[in-house]
PDB file of all heavy atoms in Angstrom:
ATOM      1  N   LYS A   1     -78.219 124.097  43.602  1.00  0.00           N
ATOM      2  CA  LYS A   1     -77.892 125.495  43.980  1.00  0.00           C
ATOM      3  C   LYS A   1     -77.738 125.510  45.525  1.00  0.00           C
ATOM      4  O   LYS A   1     -78.501 124.902  46.224  1.00  0.00           O
ATOM      5  CB  LYS A   1     -79.034 126.420  43.543  1.00  0.00           C
ATOM      6  CG  LYS A   1     -79.195 126.501  42.008  1.00  0.00           C
ATOM      7  CD  LYS A   1     -80.311 127.487  41.647  1.00  0.00           C
ATOM      8  CE  LYS A   1     -80.462 127.558  40.128  1.00  0.00           C
ATOM      9  NZ  LYS A   1     -81.543 128.507  39.767  1.00  0.00           N
ATOM     10  N   SER A   2     -76.756 126.324  45.942  1.00  0.00           N
ATOM     11  CA  SER A   2     -76.476 126.408  47.382  1.00  0.00           C
ATOM     12  C   SER A   2     -77.583 127.215  48.146  1.00  0.00           C
ATOM     13  O   SER A   2     -77.882 126.888  49.276  1.00  0.00           O
ATOM     14  CB  SER A   2     -75.119 127.049  47.643  1.00  0.00           C
ATOM     15  OG  SER A   2     -75.205 128.491  47.469  1.00  0.00           O
ATOM     16  N   LEU A   3     -78.131 128.265  47.464  1.00  0.00           N
ATOM     17  CA  LEU A   3     -79.121 129.134  48.063  1.00  0.00           C
ATOM     18  C   LEU A   3     -78.578 129.844  49.324  1.00  0.00           C
ATOM     19  O   LEU A   3     -79.337 130.387  50.128  1.00  0.00           O
ATOM     20  CB  LEU A   3     -80.426 128.406  48.415  1.00  0.00           C
ATOM     21  CG  LEU A   3     -81.166 127.746  47.225  1.00  0.00           C
ATOM     22  CD1 LEU A   3     -82.515 127.165  47.690  1.00  0.00           C
ATOM     23  CD2 LEU A   3     -81.343 128.712  46.077  1.00  0.00           C
ATOM     24  N   ALA A   4     -77.263 129.850  49.466  1.00  0.00           N
ATOM     25  CA  ALA A   4     -76.640 130.521  50.612  1.00  0.00           C
ATOM     26  C   ALA A   4     -76.883 132.031  50.591  1.00  0.00           C
ATOM     27  O   ALA A   4     -77.075 132.655  51.675  1.00  0.00           O
ATOM     28  CB  ALA A   4     -75.131 130.227  50.634  1.00  0.00           C
ATOM     29  N   LEU A   5     -76.888 132.634  49.397  1.00  0.00           N
ATOM     30  CA  LEU A   5     -77.127 134.072  49.315  1.00  0.00           C
ATOM     31  C   LEU A   5     -78.583 134.406  49.724  1.00  0.00           C
ATOM     32  O   LEU A   5     -78.864 135.433  50.366  1.00  0.00           O
ATOM     33  CB  LEU A   5     -76.846 134.576  47.932  1.00  0.00           C
ATOM     34  CG  LEU A   5     -76.522 136.056  47.805  1.00  0.00           C
ATOM     35  CD1 LEU A   5     -75.400 136.489  48.740  1.00  0.00           C
ATOM     36  CD2 LEU A   5     -76.184 136.447  46.384  1.00  0.00           C
ATOM     37  N   ASP A   6     -79.524 133.552  49.366  1.00  0.00           N
ATOM     38  CA  ASP A   6     -80.912 133.713  49.792  1.00  0.00           C
ATOM     39  C   ASP A   6     -80.997 133.589  51.335  1.00  0.00           C
ATOM     40  O   ASP A   6     -81.782 134.339  51.976  1.00  0.00           O
ATOM     41  CB  ASP A   6     -81.824 132.640  49.168  1.00  0.00           C
ATOM     42  CG  ASP A   6     -82.022 132.879  47.679  1.00  0.00           C
ATOM     43  OD1 ASP A   6     -81.692 133.938  47.165  1.00  0.00           O
ATOM     44  OD2 ASP A   6     -82.457 131.917  46.972  1.00  0.00           O
ATOM     45  N   TYR A   7     -80.279 132.667  51.868  1.00  0.00           N
ATOM     46  CA  TYR A   7     -80.163 132.493  53.329  1.00  0.00           C
ATOM     47  C   TYR A   7     -79.755 133.777  54.024  1.00  0.00           C
ATOM     48  O   TYR A   7     -80.317 134.175  55.028  1.00  0.00           O
ATOM     49  CB  TYR A   7     -79.172 131.375  53.632  1.00  0.00           C
ATOM     50  CG  TYR A   7     -78.920 131.031  55.064  1.00  0.00           C
ATOM     51  CD1 TYR A   7     -79.559 129.965  55.639  1.00  0.00           C
ATOM     52  CD2 TYR A   7     -77.960 131.737  55.819  1.00  0.00           C
ATOM     53  CE1 TYR A   7     -79.230 129.564  56.962  1.00  0.00           C
ATOM     54  CE2 TYR A   7     -77.682 131.378  57.116  1.00  0.00           C
ATOM     55  CZ  TYR A   7     -78.346 130.301  57.688  1.00  0.00           C
ATOM     56  OH  TYR A   7     -78.055 129.955  59.000  1.00  0.00           O
ATOM     57  N   VAL A   8     -78.823 134.501  53.383  1.00  0.00           N
ATOM     58  CA  VAL A   8     -78.352 135.787  53.925  1.00  0.00           C
ATOM     59  C   VAL A   8     -79.348 136.901  53.668  1.00  0.00           C
ATOM     60  O   VAL A   8     -79.791 137.605  54.541  1.00  0.00           O
ATOM     61  CB  VAL A   8     -76.960 136.145  53.379  1.00  0.00           C
ATOM     62  CG1 VAL A   8     -76.592 137.581  53.737  1.00  0.00           C
ATOM     63  CG2 VAL A   8     -75.910 135.148  53.849  1.00  0.00           C
ATOM     64  N   ASN A   9     -79.727 137.065  52.375  1.00  0.00           N
ATOM     65  CA  ASN A   9     -80.538 138.197  51.975  1.00  0.00           C
ATOM     66  C   ASN A   9     -81.985 138.138  52.466  1.00  0.00           C
ATOM     67  O   ASN A   9     -82.579 139.137  52.902  1.00  0.00           O
ATOM     68  CB  ASN A   9     -80.572 138.308  50.458  1.00  0.00           C
ATOM     69  CG  ASN A   9     -79.232 138.794  49.891  1.00  0.00           C
ATOM     70  OD1 ASN A   9     -78.437 139.401  50.589  1.00  0.00           O
ATOM     71  ND2 ASN A   9     -78.972 138.473  48.662  1.00  0.00           N
ATOM     72  N   GLU A  10     -82.548 136.931  52.457  1.00  0.00           N
ATOM     73  CA  GLU A  10     -83.969 136.790  52.862  1.00  0.00           C
ATOM     74  C   GLU A  10     -84.144 136.188  54.239  1.00  0.00           C
ATOM     75  O   GLU A  10     -85.286 135.966  54.680  1.00  0.00           O
ATOM     76  CB  GLU A  10     -84.676 135.892  51.785  1.00  0.00           C
ATOM     77  CG  GLU A  10     -84.617 136.530  50.419  1.00  0.00           C
ATOM     78  CD  GLU A  10     -85.194 135.623  49.353  1.00  0.00           C
ATOM     79  OE1 GLU A  10     -85.913 134.645  49.713  1.00  0.00           O
ATOM     80  OE2 GLU A  10     -84.881 135.802  48.149  1.00  0.00           O
ATOM     81  N   GLY A  11     -83.038 135.922  54.922  1.00  0.00           N
ATOM     82  CA  GLY A  11     -83.093 135.364  56.239  1.00  0.00           C
ATOM     83  C   GLY A  11     -82.390 136.251  57.233  1.00  0.00           C
ATOM     84  O   GLY A  11     -83.003 136.992  58.043  1.00  0.00           O
ATOM     85  N   MET A  12     -81.080 136.245  57.229  1.00  0.00           N
ATOM     86  CA  MET A  12     -80.285 137.034  58.189  1.00  0.00           C
ATOM     87  C   MET A  12     -80.625 138.509  58.127  1.00  0.00           C
ATOM     88  O   MET A  12     -80.714 139.194  59.161  1.00  0.00           O
ATOM     89  CB  MET A  12     -78.815 136.838  57.917  1.00  0.00           C
ATOM     90  CG  MET A  12     -78.317 135.425  58.160  1.00  0.00           C
ATOM     91  SD  MET A  12     -76.539 135.197  57.758  1.00  0.00           S
ATOM     92  CE  MET A  12     -75.732 136.275  58.975  1.00  0.00           C
ATOM     93  N   MET A  13     -80.861 139.045  56.960  1.00  0.00           N
ATOM     94  CA  MET A  13     -81.111 140.472  56.812  1.00  0.00           C
ATOM     95  C   MET A  13     -82.390 140.905  57.488  1.00  0.00           C
ATOM     96  O   MET A  13     -82.564 142.072  57.822  1.00  0.00           O
ATOM     97  CB  MET A  13     -81.130 140.885  55.348  1.00  0.00           C
ATOM     98  CG  MET A  13     -79.765 141.038  54.710  1.00  0.00           C
ATOM     99  SD  MET A  13     -78.613 142.208  55.551  1.00  0.00           S
ATOM    100  CE  MET A  13     -79.579 143.711  55.484  1.00  0.00           C
ATOM    101  N   ARG A  14     -83.316 139.984  57.704  1.00  0.00           N
ATOM    102  CA  ARG A  14     -84.551 140.306  58.375  1.00  0.00           C
ATOM    103  C   ARG A  14     -84.305 140.629  59.871  1.00  0.00           C
ATOM    104  O   ARG A  14     -85.057 141.392  60.479  1.00  0.00           O
ATOM    105  CB  ARG A  14     -85.577 139.175  58.260  1.00  0.00           C
ATOM    106  CG  ARG A  14     -86.101 139.112  56.818  1.00  0.00           C
ATOM    107  CD  ARG A  14     -87.045 137.930  56.583  1.00  0.00           C
ATOM    108  NE  ARG A  14     -87.474 137.926  55.187  1.00  0.00           N
ATOM    109  CZ  ARG A  14     -88.198 136.957  54.644  1.00  0.00           C
ATOM    110  NH1 ARG A  14     -88.571 135.934  55.410  1.00  0.00           N
ATOM    111  NH2 ARG A  14     -88.580 137.051  53.411  1.00  0.00           N
ATOM    112  N   TYR A  15     -83.226 140.078  60.359  1.00  0.00           N
ATOM    113  CA  TYR A  15     -82.799 140.434  61.768  1.00  0.00           C
ATOM    114  C   TYR A  15     -82.050 141.736  61.776  1.00  0.00           C
ATOM    115  O   TYR A  15     -82.245 142.602  62.625  1.00  0.00           O
ATOM    116  CB  TYR A  15     -81.970 139.298  62.352  1.00  0.00           C
ATOM    117  CG  TYR A  15     -82.664 138.030  62.628  1.00  0.00           C
ATOM    118  CD1 TYR A  15     -82.284 136.880  61.980  1.00  0.00           C
ATOM    119  CD2 TYR A  15     -83.716 137.992  63.516  1.00  0.00           C
ATOM    120  CE1 TYR A  15     -82.938 135.663  62.222  1.00  0.00           C
ATOM    121  CE2 TYR A  15     -84.405 136.768  63.770  1.00  0.00           C
ATOM    122  CZ  TYR A  15     -83.984 135.617  63.091  1.00  0.00           C
ATOM    123  OH  TYR A  15     -84.659 134.456  63.366  1.00  0.00           O
ATOM    124  N   ILE A  16     -81.119 141.903  60.809  1.00  0.00           N
ATOM    125  CA  ILE A  16     -80.295 143.092  60.761  1.00  0.00           C
ATOM    126  C   ILE A  16     -81.090 144.364  60.550  1.00  0.00           C
ATOM    127  O   ILE A  16     -80.837 145.424  61.072  1.00  0.00           O
ATOM    128  CB  ILE A  16     -79.185 142.953  59.686  1.00  0.00           C
ATOM    129  CG1 ILE A  16     -78.372 141.668  59.875  1.00  0.00           C
ATOM    130  CG2 ILE A  16     -78.258 144.184  59.717  1.00  0.00           C
ATOM    131  CD1 ILE A  16     -77.822 141.498  61.318  1.00  0.00           C
ATOM    132  N   SER A  17     -82.143 144.264  59.706  1.00  0.00           N
ATOM    133  CA  SER A  17     -83.058 145.381  59.442  1.00  0.00           C
ATOM    134  C   SER A  17     -84.057 145.631  60.590  1.00  0.00           C
ATOM    135  O   SER A  17     -84.819 146.559  60.520  1.00  0.00           O
ATOM    136  CB  SER A  17     -83.813 145.156  58.140  1.00  0.00           C
ATOM    137  OG  SER A  17     -84.714 144.059  58.281  1.00  0.00           O
ATOM    138  N   ALA A  18     -84.024 144.754  61.597  1.00  0.00           N
ATOM    139  CA  ALA A  18     -84.941 144.777  62.743  1.00  0.00           C
ATOM    140  C   ALA A  18     -86.380 144.537  62.317  1.00  0.00           C
ATOM    141  O   ALA A  18     -87.329 144.920  62.998  1.00  0.00           O
ATOM    142  CB  ALA A  18     -84.811 146.112  63.533  1.00  0.00           C
ATOM    143  N   GLN A  19     -86.571 143.893  61.152  1.00  0.00           N
ATOM    144  CA  GLN A  19     -87.924 143.450  60.784  1.00  0.00           C
ATOM    145  C   GLN A  19     -88.391 142.401  61.796  1.00  0.00           C
ATOM    146  O   GLN A  19     -89.543 142.360  62.200  1.00  0.00           O
ATOM    147  CB  GLN A  19     -87.928 142.868  59.368  1.00  0.00           C
ATOM    148  CG  GLN A  19     -89.280 142.364  58.939  1.00  0.00           C
ATOM    149  CD  GLN A  19     -89.275 141.739  57.552  1.00  0.00           C
ATOM    150  OE1 GLN A  19     -88.218 141.712  56.878  1.00  0.00           O
ATOM    151  NE2 GLN A  19     -90.408 141.275  57.090  1.00  0.00           N
ATOM    152  N   TYR A  20     -87.440 141.532  62.152  1.00  0.00           N
ATOM    153  CA  TYR A  20     -87.684 140.504  63.185  1.00  0.00           C
ATOM    154  C   TYR A  20     -86.824 140.790  64.402  1.00  0.00           C
ATOM    155  O   TYR A  20     -85.721 141.331  64.295  1.00  0.00           O
ATOM    156  CB  TYR A  20     -87.349 139.092  62.684  1.00  0.00           C
ATOM    157  CG  TYR A  20     -88.142 138.562  61.531  1.00  0.00           C
ATOM    158  CD1 TYR A  20     -87.752 137.401  60.866  1.00  0.00           C
ATOM    159  CD2 TYR A  20     -89.315 139.196  61.066  1.00  0.00           C
ATOM    160  CE1 TYR A  20     -88.495 136.905  59.767  1.00  0.00           C
ATOM    161  CE2 TYR A  20     -90.029 138.706  60.025  1.00  0.00           C
ATOM    162  CZ  TYR A  20     -89.624 137.570  59.348  1.00  0.00           C
ATOM    163  OH  TYR A  20     -90.319 137.089  58.294  1.00  0.00           O
ATOM    164  N   ALA A  21     -87.327 140.379  65.585  1.00  0.00           N
ATOM    165  CA  ALA A  21     -86.570 140.445  66.827  1.00  0.00           C
ATOM    166  C   ALA A  21     -86.085 141.837  67.194  1.00  0.00           C
ATOM    167  O   ALA A  21     -85.018 142.016  67.743  1.00  0.00           O
ATOM    168  CB  ALA A  21     -85.387 139.485  66.757  1.00  0.00           C
ATOM    169  N   LYS A  22     -86.887 142.840  66.858  1.00  0.00           N
ATOM    170  CA  LYS A  22     -86.506 144.203  67.208  1.00  0.00           C
ATOM    171  C   LYS A  22     -86.360 144.427  68.735  1.00  0.00           C
ATOM    172  O   LYS A  22     -87.222 143.918  69.497  1.00  0.00           O
ATOM    173  CB  LYS A  22     -87.566 145.174  66.688  1.00  0.00           C
ATOM    174  CG  LYS A  22     -87.244 146.636  66.843  1.00  0.00           C
ATOM    175  CD  LYS A  22     -88.273 147.520  66.192  1.00  0.00           C
ATOM    176  CE  LYS A  22     -87.931 149.016  66.358  1.00  0.00           C
ATOM    177  NZ  LYS A  22     -88.993 149.840  65.698  1.00  0.00           N
ATOM    178  N   ASN A  23     -85.319 145.012  69.141  1.00  0.00           N
ATOM    179  CA  ASN A  23     -85.021 145.307  70.576  1.00  0.00           C
ATOM    180  C   ASN A  23     -84.714 144.022  71.348  1.00  0.00           C
ATOM    181  O   ASN A  23     -84.746 144.040  72.579  1.00  0.00           O
ATOM    182  CB  ASN A  23     -86.149 146.083  71.233  1.00  0.00           C
ATOM    183  CG  ASN A  23     -86.380 147.434  70.638  1.00  0.00           C
ATOM    184  OD1 ASN A  23     -85.423 148.143  70.290  1.00  0.00           O
ATOM    185  ND2 ASN A  23     -87.644 147.832  70.496  1.00  0.00           N
ATOM    186  N   LEU A  24     -84.400 142.936  70.648  1.00  0.00           N
ATOM    187  CA  LEU A  24     -84.082 141.693  71.329  1.00  0.00           C
ATOM    188  C   LEU A  24     -82.608 141.315  71.047  1.00  0.00           C
ATOM    189  O   LEU A  24     -82.017 141.851  70.094  1.00  0.00           O
ATOM    190  CB  LEU A  24     -85.015 140.554  70.825  1.00  0.00           C
ATOM    191  CG  LEU A  24     -86.491 140.773  71.180  1.00  0.00           C
ATOM    192  CD1 LEU A  24     -87.346 139.692  70.564  1.00  0.00           C
ATOM    193  CD2 LEU A  24     -86.690 140.836  72.674  1.00  0.00           C
ATOM    194  N   PRO A  25     -81.986 140.475  71.849  1.00  0.00           N
ATOM    195  CA  PRO A  25     -80.574 140.238  71.724  1.00  0.00           C
ATOM    196  C   PRO A  25     -80.126 139.202  70.711  1.00  0.00           C
ATOM    197  O   PRO A  25     -78.975 139.152  70.370  1.00  0.00           O
ATOM    198  CB  PRO A  25     -80.167 139.790  73.123  1.00  0.00           C
ATOM    199  CG  PRO A  25     -81.361 139.108  73.657  1.00  0.00           C
ATOM    200  CD  PRO A  25     -82.542 139.911  73.083  1.00  0.00           C
ATOM    201  N   LEU A  26     -81.077 138.361  70.220  1.00  0.00           N
ATOM    202  CA  LEU A  26     -80.667 137.314  69.304  1.00  0.00           C
ATOM    203  C   LEU A  26     -81.852 136.776  68.505  1.00  0.00           C
ATOM    204  O   LEU A  26     -83.007 137.018  68.799  1.00  0.00           O
ATOM    205  CB  LEU A  26     -79.985 136.179  70.093  1.00  0.00           C
ATOM    206  CG  LEU A  26     -80.844 135.363  71.069  1.00  0.00           C
ATOM    207  CD1 LEU A  26     -81.613 134.231  70.427  1.00  0.00           C
ATOM    208  CD2 LEU A  26     -79.929 134.796  72.157  1.00  0.00           C
ATOM    209  N   GLY A  27     -81.482 136.110  67.418  1.00  0.00           N
ATOM    210  CA  GLY A  27     -82.424 135.372  66.606  1.00  0.00           C
ATOM    211  C   GLY A  27     -81.764 134.121  66.083  1.00  0.00           C
ATOM    212  O   GLY A  27     -80.544 133.966  66.180  1.00  0.00           O
ATOM    213  N   VAL A  28     -82.551 133.224  65.506  1.00  0.00           N
ATOM    214  CA  VAL A  28     -82.010 131.949  65.044  1.00  0.00           C
ATOM    215  C   VAL A  28     -82.276 131.766  63.578  1.00  0.00           C
ATOM    216  O   VAL A  28     -83.352 132.097  63.061  1.00  0.00           O
ATOM    217  CB  VAL A  28     -82.646 130.762  65.830  1.00  0.00           C
ATOM    218  CG1 VAL A  28     -82.103 129.440  65.295  1.00  0.00           C
ATOM    219  CG2 VAL A  28     -82.340 130.920  67.332  1.00  0.00           C
ATOM    220  N   MET A  29     -81.269 131.208  62.843  1.00  0.00           N
ATOM    221  CA  MET A  29     -81.414 130.749  61.481  1.00  0.00           C
ATOM    222  C   MET A  29     -81.326 129.233  61.467  1.00  0.00           C
ATOM    223  O   MET A  29     -80.347 128.674  62.017  1.00  0.00           O
ATOM    224  CB  MET A  29     -80.352 131.339  60.594  1.00  0.00           C
ATOM    225  CG  MET A  29     -80.432 132.821  60.276  1.00  0.00           C
ATOM    226  SD  MET A  29     -81.900 133.273  59.295  1.00  0.00           S
ATOM    227  CE  MET A  29     -81.703 132.274  57.830  1.00  0.00           C
ATOM    228  N   LEU A  30     -82.330 128.584  60.869  1.00  0.00           N
ATOM    229  CA  LEU A  30     -82.255 127.124  60.652  1.00  0.00           C
ATOM    230  C   LEU A  30     -82.072 126.879  59.188  1.00  0.00           C
ATOM    231  O   LEU A  30     -82.811 127.368  58.322  1.00  0.00           O
ATOM    232  CB  LEU A  30     -83.565 126.442  61.126  1.00  0.00           C
ATOM    233  CG  LEU A  30     -83.877 126.457  62.621  1.00  0.00           C
ATOM    234  CD1 LEU A  30     -85.146 125.656  62.895  1.00  0.00           C
ATOM    235  CD2 LEU A  30     -82.731 125.934  63.465  1.00  0.00           C
ATOM    236  N   GLY A  31     -81.035 126.082  58.853  1.00  0.00           N
ATOM    237  CA  GLY A  31     -80.776 125.726  57.468  1.00  0.00           C
ATOM    238  C   GLY A  31     -81.040 124.237  57.260  1.00  0.00           C
ATOM    239  O   GLY A  31     -80.409 123.427  57.914  1.00  0.00           O
ATOM    240  N   TYR A  32     -82.002 123.962  56.404  1.00  0.00           N
ATOM    241  CA  TYR A  32     -82.286 122.590  56.026  1.00  0.00           C
ATOM    242  C   TYR A  32     -81.397 122.174  54.863  1.00  0.00           C
ATOM    243  O   TYR A  32     -81.606 122.630  53.757  1.00  0.00           O
ATOM    244  CB  TYR A  32     -83.756 122.381  55.656  1.00  0.00           C
ATOM    245  CG  TYR A  32     -84.788 122.901  56.660  1.00  0.00           C
ATOM    246  CD1 TYR A  32     -85.818 123.703  56.289  1.00  0.00           C
ATOM    247  CD2 TYR A  32     -84.656 122.514  57.996  1.00  0.00           C
ATOM    248  CE1 TYR A  32     -86.737 124.178  57.199  1.00  0.00           C
ATOM    249  CE2 TYR A  32     -85.562 122.970  58.944  1.00  0.00           C
ATOM    250  CZ  TYR A  32     -86.633 123.827  58.547  1.00  0.00           C
ATOM    251  OH  TYR A  32     -87.567 124.228  59.457  1.00  0.00           O
ATOM    252  N   VAL A  33     -80.365 121.377  55.153  1.00  0.00           N
ATOM    253  CA  VAL A  33     -79.368 121.015  54.115  1.00  0.00           C
ATOM    254  C   VAL A  33     -79.840 119.809  53.357  1.00  0.00           C
ATOM    255  O   VAL A  33     -79.777 118.682  53.827  1.00  0.00           O
ATOM    256  CB  VAL A  33     -77.993 120.783  54.799  1.00  0.00           C
ATOM    257  CG1 VAL A  33     -76.948 120.563  53.706  1.00  0.00           C
ATOM    258  CG2 VAL A  33     -77.604 122.000  55.631  1.00  0.00           C
ATOM    259  N   MET A  34     -80.384 120.047  52.163  1.00  0.00           N
ATOM    260  CA  MET A  34     -81.161 119.046  51.437  1.00  0.00           C
ATOM    261  C   MET A  34     -80.270 117.885  50.966  1.00  0.00           C
ATOM    262  O   MET A  34     -80.812 116.802  50.687  1.00  0.00           O
ATOM    263  CB  MET A  34     -81.874 119.701  50.288  1.00  0.00           C
ATOM    264  CG  MET A  34     -82.856 120.792  50.660  1.00  0.00           C
ATOM    265  SD  MET A  34     -84.118 120.279  51.879  1.00  0.00           S
ATOM    266  CE  MET A  34     -85.114 119.212  50.865  1.00  0.00           C
ATOM    267  N   ASP A  35     -79.003 118.061  50.844  1.00  0.00           N
ATOM    268  CA  ASP A  35     -78.114 116.960  50.396  1.00  0.00           C
ATOM    269  C   ASP A  35     -77.303 116.408  51.534  1.00  0.00           C
ATOM    270  O   ASP A  35     -76.500 115.486  51.326  1.00  0.00           O
ATOM    271  CB  ASP A  35     -77.218 117.383  49.245  1.00  0.00           C
ATOM    272  CG  ASP A  35     -76.184 118.420  49.651  1.00  0.00           C
ATOM    273  OD1 ASP A  35     -76.273 118.954  50.757  1.00  0.00           O
ATOM    274  OD2 ASP A  35     -75.268 118.733  48.841  1.00  0.00           O
TER     275      ASP A  35
END
């Protein structure tokens, strides 16, 4: 499974919702590509 949608929904969206990095200019996503 790619898990790319989880990467977006459970990762990127935490920045967009301001759950993480509120009032800051950037955040980082690290993807561990298992294959």
